[in-house]
Amino acid sequence: MLCRSDDVFAAALAAVRQLSAAVGPALNGSLKELLIQIAKKAFVAKHRDAVWDTLMCLEQNGGRDALALIKLKVPTYNACC
């Protein structure tokens, strides 16, 4: 996530989505650290759709606790569920 490469960032987002689907709310403990990096590129046009898809996936799999953490780091995010 810290890499400047767009391809690496896109692959990292895909990995986060897969990990979220696999472990669900167990990922919530690490969500703050992940969201810091994800939020940095939330409004970059090239990554916007992938970032929002990842945030929705994290919310769906992490529940209300994940939503609260997402809203802290990305205040403009609207709950999907």
PDB file of N, CA and C in Angstrom:
ATOM      1  N   MET A   1       0.810  -1.196   0.000  1.00  0.00           N
ATOM      2  CA  MET A   1       0.000   0.000   0.000  1.00  0.00           C
ATOM      3  C   MET A   1       0.854   1.261   0.000  1.00  0.00           C
ATOM      4  N   LEU A   2       2.065   1.173   0.483  1.00  0.00           N
ATOM      5  CA  LEU A   2       2.928   2.345   0.525  1.00  0.00           C
ATOM      6  C   LEU A   2       3.668   2.589  -0.784  1.00  0.00           C
ATOM      7  N   CYS A   3       3.630   1.629  -1.663  1.00  0.00           N
ATOM      8  CA  CYS A   3       4.338   1.741  -2.938  1.00  0.00           C
ATOM      9  C   CYS A   3       3.674   2.800  -3.817  1.00  0.00           C
ATOM     10  N   ARG A   4       4.485   3.491  -4.576  1.00  0.00           N
ATOM     11  CA  ARG A   4       3.952   4.533  -5.469  1.00  0.00           C
ATOM     12  C   ARG A   4       3.365   3.961  -6.754  1.00  0.00           C
ATOM     13  N   SER A   5       3.629   2.723  -7.022  1.00  0.00           N
ATOM     14  CA  SER A   5       3.143   2.094  -8.252  1.00  0.00           C
ATOM     15  C   SER A   5       1.631   1.908  -8.207  1.00  0.00           C
ATOM     16  N   ASP A   6       0.962   2.353  -9.252  1.00  0.00           N
ATOM     17  CA  ASP A   6      -0.493   2.209  -9.327  1.00  0.00           C
ATOM     18  C   ASP A   6      -0.904   0.743  -9.397  1.00  0.00           C
ATOM     19  N   ASP A   7      -0.113  -0.061 -10.100  1.00  0.00           N
ATOM     20  CA  ASP A   7      -0.429  -1.481 -10.221  1.00  0.00           C
ATOM     21  C   ASP A   7      -0.326  -2.197  -8.883  1.00  0.00           C
ATOM     22  N   VAL A   8       0.684  -1.847  -8.109  1.00  0.00           N
ATOM     23  CA  VAL A   8       0.861  -2.461  -6.791  1.00  0.00           C
ATOM     24  C   VAL A   8      -0.295  -2.053  -5.874  1.00  0.00           C
ATOM     25  N   PHE A   9      -0.681  -0.787  -5.928  1.00  0.00           N
ATOM     26  CA  PHE A   9      -1.798  -0.329  -5.088  1.00  0.00           C
ATOM     27  C   PHE A   9      -3.092  -1.042  -5.469  1.00  0.00           C
ATOM     28  N   ALA A  10      -3.347  -1.190  -6.751  1.00  0.00           N
ATOM     29  CA  ALA A  10      -4.552  -1.893  -7.210  1.00  0.00           C
ATOM     30  C   ALA A  10      -4.530  -3.352  -6.755  1.00  0.00           C
ATOM     31  N   ALA A  11      -3.383  -3.990  -6.841  1.00  0.00           N
ATOM     32  CA  ALA A  11      -3.264  -5.379  -6.389  1.00  0.00           C
ATOM     33  C   ALA A  11      -3.450  -5.480  -4.877  1.00  0.00           C
ATOM     34  N   ALA A  12      -2.948  -4.501  -4.152  1.00  0.00           N
ATOM     35  CA  ALA A  12      -3.118  -4.492  -2.696  1.00  0.00           C
ATOM     36  C   ALA A  12      -4.590  -4.342  -2.322  1.00  0.00           C
ATOM     37  N   LEU A  13      -5.310  -3.489  -3.045  1.00  0.00           N
ATOM     38  CA  LEU A  13      -6.749  -3.339  -2.779  1.00  0.00           C
ATOM     39  C   LEU A  13      -7.490  -4.651  -3.046  1.00  0.00           C
ATOM     40  N   ALA A  14      -7.134  -5.332  -4.128  1.00  0.00           N
ATOM     41  CA  ALA A  14      -7.752  -6.624  -4.437  1.00  0.00           C
ATOM     42  C   ALA A  14      -7.448  -7.633  -3.342  1.00  0.00           C
ATOM     43  N   ALA A  15      -6.229  -7.610  -2.831  1.00  0.00           N
ATOM     44  CA  ALA A  15      -5.855  -8.527  -1.753  1.00  0.00           C
ATOM     45  C   ALA A  15      -6.637  -8.228  -0.472  1.00  0.00           C
ATOM     46  N   VAL A  16      -6.829  -6.957  -0.177  1.00  0.00           N
ATOM     47  CA  VAL A  16      -7.603  -6.572   1.013  1.00  0.00           C
ATOM     48  C   VAL A  16      -9.047  -7.050   0.882  1.00  0.00           C
ATOM     49  N   ARG A  17      -9.624  -6.912  -0.312  1.00  0.00           N
ATOM     50  CA  ARG A  17     -11.002  -7.385  -0.525  1.00  0.00           C
ATOM     51  C   ARG A  17     -11.100  -8.899  -0.318  1.00  0.00           C
ATOM     52  N   GLN A  18     -10.129  -9.636  -0.853  1.00  0.00           N
ATOM     53  CA  GLN A  18     -10.144 -11.092  -0.695  1.00  0.00           C
ATOM     54  C   GLN A  18      -9.939 -11.486   0.764  1.00  0.00           C
ATOM     55  N   LEU A  19      -9.037 -10.799   1.428  1.00  0.00           N
ATOM     56  CA  LEU A  19      -8.780 -11.086   2.841  1.00  0.00           C
ATOM     57  C   LEU A  19     -10.009 -10.778   3.684  1.00  0.00           C
ATOM     58  N   SER A  20     -10.666  -9.683   3.390  1.00  0.00           N
ATOM     59  CA  SER A  20     -11.879  -9.312   4.116  1.00  0.00           C
ATOM     60  C   SER A  20     -12.966 -10.365   3.942  1.00  0.00           C
ATOM     61  N   ALA A  21     -13.118 -10.864   2.720  1.00  0.00           N
ATOM     62  CA  ALA A  21     -14.125 -11.899   2.466  1.00  0.00           C
ATOM     63  C   ALA A  21     -13.771 -13.190   3.205  1.00  0.00           C
ATOM     64  N   ALA A  22     -12.480 -13.463   3.344  1.00  0.00           N
ATOM     65  CA  ALA A  22     -12.057 -14.717   3.975  1.00  0.00           C
ATOM     66  C   ALA A  22     -12.149 -14.680   5.498  1.00  0.00           C
ATOM     67  N   VAL A  23     -11.768 -13.547   6.106  1.00  0.00           N
ATOM     68  CA  VAL A  23     -11.701 -13.521   7.569  1.00  0.00           C
ATOM     69  C   VAL A  23     -12.783 -12.665   8.230  1.00  0.00           C
ATOM     70  N   GLY A  24     -13.498 -11.881   7.454  1.00  0.00           N
ATOM     71  CA  GLY A  24     -14.607 -11.091   7.985  1.00  0.00           C
ATOM     72  C   GLY A  24     -14.178 -10.109   9.065  1.00  0.00           C
ATOM     73  N   PRO A  25     -14.911 -10.086  10.189  1.00  0.00           N
ATOM     74  CA  PRO A  25     -14.658  -9.110  11.248  1.00  0.00           C
ATOM     75  C   PRO A  25     -13.290  -9.259  11.916  1.00  0.00           C
ATOM     76  N   ALA A  26     -12.609 -10.372  11.713  1.00  0.00           N
ATOM     77  CA  ALA A  26     -11.282 -10.550  12.307  1.00  0.00           C
ATOM     78  C   ALA A  26     -10.286  -9.518  11.765  1.00  0.00           C
ATOM     79  N   LEU A  27     -10.584  -8.931  10.633  1.00  0.00           N
ATOM     80  CA  LEU A  27      -9.709  -7.926  10.034  1.00  0.00           C
ATOM     81  C   LEU A  27      -9.874  -6.552  10.690  1.00  0.00           C
ATOM     82  N   ASN A  28     -10.927  -6.368  11.455  1.00  0.00           N
ATOM     83  CA  ASN A  28     -11.212  -5.067  12.048  1.00  0.00           C
ATOM     84  C   ASN A  28     -10.077  -4.546  12.930  1.00  0.00           C
ATOM     85  N   GLY A  29      -9.335  -5.445  13.568  1.00  0.00           N
ATOM     86  CA  GLY A  29      -8.229  -5.026  14.418  1.00  0.00           C
ATOM     87  C   GLY A  29      -7.113  -4.333  13.640  1.00  0.00           C
ATOM     88  N   SER A  30      -6.970  -4.645  12.382  1.00  0.00           N
ATOM     89  CA  SER A  30      -5.924  -4.052  11.542  1.00  0.00           C
ATOM     90  C   SER A  30      -6.464  -2.981  10.613  1.00  0.00           C
ATOM     91  N   LEU A  31      -7.728  -2.707  10.722  1.00  0.00           N
ATOM     92  CA  LEU A  31      -8.377  -1.810   9.774  1.00  0.00           C
ATOM     93  C   LEU A  31      -7.856  -0.377   9.838  1.00  0.00           C
ATOM     94  N   LYS A  32      -7.535   0.119  11.025  1.00  0.00           N
ATOM     95  CA  LYS A  32      -7.050   1.501  11.138  1.00  0.00           C
ATOM     96  C   LYS A  32      -5.817   1.721  10.275  1.00  0.00           C
ATOM     97  N   GLU A  33      -4.865   0.788  10.354  1.00  0.00           N
ATOM     98  CA  GLU A  33      -3.635   0.926   9.587  1.00  0.00           C
ATOM     99  C   GLU A  33      -3.906   0.843   8.080  1.00  0.00           C
ATOM    100  N   LEU A  34      -4.765  -0.075   7.688  1.00  0.00           N
ATOM    101  CA  LEU A  34      -5.097  -0.213   6.270  1.00  0.00           C
ATOM    102  C   LEU A  34      -5.824   1.018   5.740  1.00  0.00           C
ATOM    103  N   LEU A  35      -6.743   1.525   6.525  1.00  0.00           N
ATOM    104  CA  LEU A  35      -7.552   2.654   6.075  1.00  0.00           C
ATOM    105  C   LEU A  35      -6.741   3.931   5.900  1.00  0.00           C
ATOM    106  N   ILE A  36      -5.665   4.071   6.647  1.00  0.00           N
ATOM    107  CA  ILE A  36      -4.823   5.254   6.477  1.00  0.00           C
ATOM    108  C   ILE A  36      -4.296   5.302   5.049  1.00  0.00           C
ATOM    109  N   GLN A  37      -3.808   4.182   4.568  1.00  0.00           N
ATOM    110  CA  GLN A  37      -3.258   4.125   3.215  1.00  0.00           C
ATOM    111  C   GLN A  37      -4.349   4.180   2.143  1.00  0.00           C
ATOM    112  N   ILE A  38      -5.459   3.503   2.409  1.00  0.00           N
ATOM    113  CA  ILE A  38      -6.562   3.498   1.442  1.00  0.00           C
ATOM    114  C   ILE A  38      -7.147   4.907   1.299  1.00  0.00           C
ATOM    115  N   ALA A  39      -7.311   5.599   2.416  1.00  0.00           N
ATOM    116  CA  ALA A  39      -7.915   6.938   2.397  1.00  0.00           C
ATOM    117  C   ALA A  39      -7.064   7.933   1.621  1.00  0.00           C
ATOM    118  N   LYS A  40      -5.745   7.732   1.597  1.00  0.00           N
ATOM    119  CA  LYS A  40      -4.867   8.659   0.878  1.00  0.00           C
ATOM    120  C   LYS A  40      -5.191   8.718  -0.612  1.00  0.00           C
ATOM    121  N   LYS A  41      -5.699   7.625  -1.160  1.00  0.00           N
ATOM    122  CA  LYS A  41      -5.983   7.591  -2.599  1.00  0.00           C
ATOM    123  C   LYS A  41      -7.480   7.460  -2.888  1.00  0.00           C
ATOM    124  N   ALA A  42      -8.302   7.756  -1.895  1.00  0.00           N
ATOM    125  CA  ALA A  42      -9.745   7.606  -2.057  1.00  0.00           C
ATOM    126  C   ALA A  42     -10.312   8.530  -3.127  1.00  0.00           C
ATOM    127  N   PHE A  43      -9.659   9.653  -3.362  1.00  0.00           N
ATOM    128  CA  PHE A  43     -10.206  10.628  -4.303  1.00  0.00           C
ATOM    129  C   PHE A  43      -9.358  10.774  -5.560  1.00  0.00           C
ATOM    130  N   VAL A  44      -8.394   9.885  -5.731  1.00  0.00           N
ATOM    131  CA  VAL A  44      -7.602   9.869  -6.962  1.00  0.00           C
ATOM    132  C   VAL A  44      -8.463   9.183  -8.023  1.00  0.00           C
ATOM    133  N   ALA A  45      -8.708   9.851  -9.108  1.00  0.00           N
ATOM    134  CA  ALA A  45      -9.640   9.358 -10.122  1.00  0.00           C
ATOM    135  C   ALA A  45      -9.324   7.941 -10.585  1.00  0.00           C
ATOM    136  N   LYS A  46      -8.063   7.642 -10.745  1.00  0.00           N
ATOM    137  CA  LYS A  46      -7.659   6.339 -11.250  1.00  0.00           C
ATOM    138  C   LYS A  46      -8.039   5.201 -10.289  1.00  0.00           C
ATOM    139  N   HIS A  47      -8.074   5.479  -8.995  1.00  0.00           N
ATOM    140  CA  HIS A  47      -8.310   4.441  -7.991  1.00  0.00           C
ATOM    141  C   HIS A  47      -9.674   4.547  -7.302  1.00  0.00           C
ATOM    142  N   ARG A  48     -10.415   5.583  -7.625  1.00  0.00           N
ATOM    143  CA  ARG A  48     -11.643   5.861  -6.884  1.00  0.00           C
ATOM    144  C   ARG A  48     -12.596   4.660  -6.823  1.00  0.00           C
ATOM    145  N   ASP A  49     -12.892   4.042  -7.956  1.00  0.00           N
ATOM    146  CA  ASP A  49     -13.839   2.922  -7.966  1.00  0.00           C
ATOM    147  C   ASP A  49     -13.322   1.735  -7.160  1.00  0.00           C
ATOM    148  N   ALA A  50     -12.049   1.412  -7.311  1.00  0.00           N
ATOM    149  CA  ALA A  50     -11.473   0.281  -6.573  1.00  0.00           C
ATOM    150  C   ALA A  50     -11.448   0.567  -5.077  1.00  0.00           C
ATOM    151  N   VAL A  51     -11.164   1.805  -4.707  1.00  0.00           N
ATOM    152  CA  VAL A  51     -11.157   2.172  -3.281  1.00  0.00           C
ATOM    153  C   VAL A  51     -12.559   2.043  -2.707  1.00  0.00           C
ATOM    154  N   TRP A  52     -13.560   2.575  -3.398  1.00  0.00           N
ATOM    155  CA  TRP A  52     -14.923   2.502  -2.871  1.00  0.00           C
ATOM    156  C   TRP A  52     -15.409   1.055  -2.825  1.00  0.00           C
ATOM    157  N   ASP A  53     -15.048   0.238  -3.812  1.00  0.00           N
ATOM    158  CA  ASP A  53     -15.398  -1.187  -3.773  1.00  0.00           C
ATOM    159  C   ASP A  53     -14.764  -1.871  -2.564  1.00  0.00           C
ATOM    160  N   THR A  54     -13.533  -1.504  -2.274  1.00  0.00           N
ATOM    161  CA  THR A  54     -12.837  -2.079  -1.124  1.00  0.00           C
ATOM    162  C   THR A  54     -13.495  -1.643   0.176  1.00  0.00           C
ATOM    163  N   LEU A  55     -13.844  -0.378   0.281  1.00  0.00           N
ATOM    164  CA  LEU A  55     -14.506   0.110   1.497  1.00  0.00           C
ATOM    165  C   LEU A  55     -15.855  -0.585   1.699  1.00  0.00           C
ATOM    166  N   MET A  56     -16.610  -0.766   0.628  1.00  0.00           N
ATOM    167  CA  MET A  56     -17.897  -1.471   0.744  1.00  0.00           C
ATOM    168  C   MET A  56     -17.688  -2.914   1.186  1.00  0.00           C
ATOM    169  N   CYS A  57     -16.685  -3.560   0.646  1.00  0.00           N
ATOM    170  CA  CYS A  57     -16.370  -4.936   1.008  1.00  0.00           C
ATOM    171  C   CYS A  57     -15.989  -5.022   2.487  1.00  0.00           C
ATOM    172  N   LEU A  58     -15.156  -4.087   2.935  1.00  0.00           N
ATOM    173  CA  LEU A  58     -14.756  -4.071   4.341  1.00  0.00           C
ATOM    174  C   LEU A  58     -15.964  -3.853   5.246  1.00  0.00           C
ATOM    175  N   GLU A  59     -16.858  -2.973   4.829  1.00  0.00           N
ATOM    176  CA  GLU A  59     -18.065  -2.721   5.623  1.00  0.00           C
ATOM    177  C   GLU A  59     -18.953  -3.954   5.672  1.00  0.00           C
ATOM    178  N   GLN A  60     -19.201  -4.556   4.537  1.00  0.00           N
ATOM    179  CA  GLN A  60     -20.081  -5.722   4.477  1.00  0.00           C
ATOM    180  C   GLN A  60     -19.543  -6.885   5.298  1.00  0.00           C
ATOM    181  N   ASN A  61     -18.234  -7.090   5.240  1.00  0.00           N
ATOM    182  CA  ASN A  61     -17.644  -8.231   5.932  1.00  0.00           C
ATOM    183  C   ASN A  61     -17.258  -7.935   7.373  1.00  0.00           C
ATOM    184  N   GLY A  62     -17.064  -6.641   7.694  1.00  0.00           N
ATOM    185  CA  GLY A  62     -16.627  -6.270   9.032  1.00  0.00           C
ATOM    186  C   GLY A  62     -17.722  -5.783   9.947  1.00  0.00           C
ATOM    187  N   GLY A  63     -18.886  -5.462   9.378  1.00  0.00           N
ATOM    188  CA  GLY A  63     -20.020  -5.044  10.204  1.00  0.00           C
ATOM    189  C   GLY A  63     -19.947  -3.594  10.663  1.00  0.00           C
ATOM    190  N   ARG A  64     -20.689  -3.323  11.722  1.00  0.00           N
ATOM    191  CA  ARG A  64     -20.810  -1.945  12.218  1.00  0.00           C
ATOM    192  C   ARG A  64     -19.498  -1.393  12.753  1.00  0.00           C
ATOM    193  N   ASP A  65     -18.681  -2.259  13.352  1.00  0.00           N
ATOM    194  CA  ASP A  65     -17.384  -1.799  13.853  1.00  0.00           C
ATOM    195  C   ASP A  65     -16.513  -1.312  12.707  1.00  0.00           C
ATOM    196  N   ALA A  66     -16.515  -2.041  11.606  1.00  0.00           N
ATOM    197  CA  ALA A  66     -15.745  -1.642  10.433  1.00  0.00           C
ATOM    198  C   ALA A  66     -16.285  -0.328   9.875  1.00  0.00           C
ATOM    199  N   LEU A  67     -17.590  -0.181   9.826  1.00  0.00           N
ATOM    200  CA  LEU A  67     -18.193   1.052   9.319  1.00  0.00           C
ATOM    201  C   LEU A  67     -17.751   2.252  10.151  1.00  0.00           C
ATOM    202  N   ALA A  68     -17.729   2.104  11.460  1.00  0.00           N
ATOM    203  CA  ALA A  68     -17.304   3.204  12.327  1.00  0.00           C
ATOM    204  C   ALA A  68     -15.859   3.599  12.033  1.00  0.00           C
ATOM    205  N   LEU A  69     -14.993   2.628  11.829  1.00  0.00           N
ATOM    206  CA  LEU A  69     -13.591   2.914  11.512  1.00  0.00           C
ATOM    207  C   LEU A  69     -13.455   3.565  10.139  1.00  0.00           C
ATOM    208  N   ILE A  70     -14.226   3.091   9.182  1.00  0.00           N
ATOM    209  CA  ILE A  70     -14.186   3.669   7.836  1.00  0.00           C
ATOM    210  C   ILE A  70     -14.621   5.129   7.885  1.00  0.00           C
ATOM    211  N   LYS A  71     -15.687   5.419   8.597  1.00  0.00           N
ATOM    212  CA  LYS A  71     -16.199   6.794   8.687  1.00  0.00           C
ATOM    213  C   LYS A  71     -15.192   7.726   9.364  1.00  0.00           C
ATOM    214  N   LEU A  72     -14.372   7.194  10.275  1.00  0.00           N
ATOM    215  CA  LEU A  72     -13.345   8.016  10.909  1.00  0.00           C
ATOM    216  C   LEU A  72     -12.285   8.457   9.909  1.00  0.00           C
ATOM    217  N   LYS A  73     -11.894   7.563   9.023  1.00  0.00           N
ATOM    218  CA  LYS A  73     -10.810   7.849   8.084  1.00  0.00           C
ATOM    219  C   LYS A  73     -11.297   8.443   6.764  1.00  0.00           C
ATOM    220  N   VAL A  74     -12.516   8.092   6.357  1.00  0.00           N
ATOM    221  CA  VAL A  74     -13.081   8.604   5.105  1.00  0.00           C
ATOM    222  C   VAL A  74     -14.487   9.132   5.418  1.00  0.00           C
ATOM    223  N   PRO A  75     -14.574  10.349   5.950  1.00  0.00           N
ATOM    224  CA  PRO A  75     -15.863  10.890   6.392  1.00  0.00           C
ATOM    225  C   PRO A  75     -16.929  10.987   5.296  1.00  0.00           C
ATOM    226  N   THR A  76     -16.526  11.046   4.050  1.00  0.00           N
ATOM    227  CA  THR A  76     -17.493  11.165   2.966  1.00  0.00           C
ATOM    228  C   THR A  76     -18.088   9.817   2.553  1.00  0.00           C
ATOM    229  N   TYR A  77     -17.621   8.743   3.162  1.00  0.00           N
ATOM    230  CA  TYR A  77     -18.134   7.415   2.808  1.00  0.00           C
ATOM    231  C   TYR A  77     -19.559   7.261   3.337  1.00  0.00           C
ATOM    232  N   ASN A  78     -20.445   6.755   2.491  1.00  0.00           N
ATOM    233  CA  ASN A  78     -21.826   6.469   2.876  1.00  0.00           C
ATOM    234  C   ASN A  78     -22.010   4.974   3.002  1.00  0.00           C
ATOM    235  N   ALA A  79     -22.655   4.553   4.055  1.00  0.00           N
ATOM    236  CA  ALA A  79     -22.874   3.125   4.291  1.00  0.00           C
ATOM    237  C   ALA A  79     -23.660   2.508   3.145  1.00  0.00           C
ATOM    238  N   CYS A  80     -23.257   1.311   2.782  1.00  0.00           N
ATOM    239  CA  CYS A  80     -23.949   0.628   1.681  1.00  0.00           C
ATOM    240  C   CYS A  80     -25.016  -0.331   2.201  1.00  0.00           C
ATOM    241  N   CYS A  81     -24.925  -0.703   3.447  1.00  0.00           N
ATOM    242  CA  CYS A  81     -25.889  -1.691   3.997  1.00  0.00           C
ATOM    243  C   CYS A  81     -26.878  -1.046   4.937  1.00  0.00           C
TER     244      CYS A  81
END
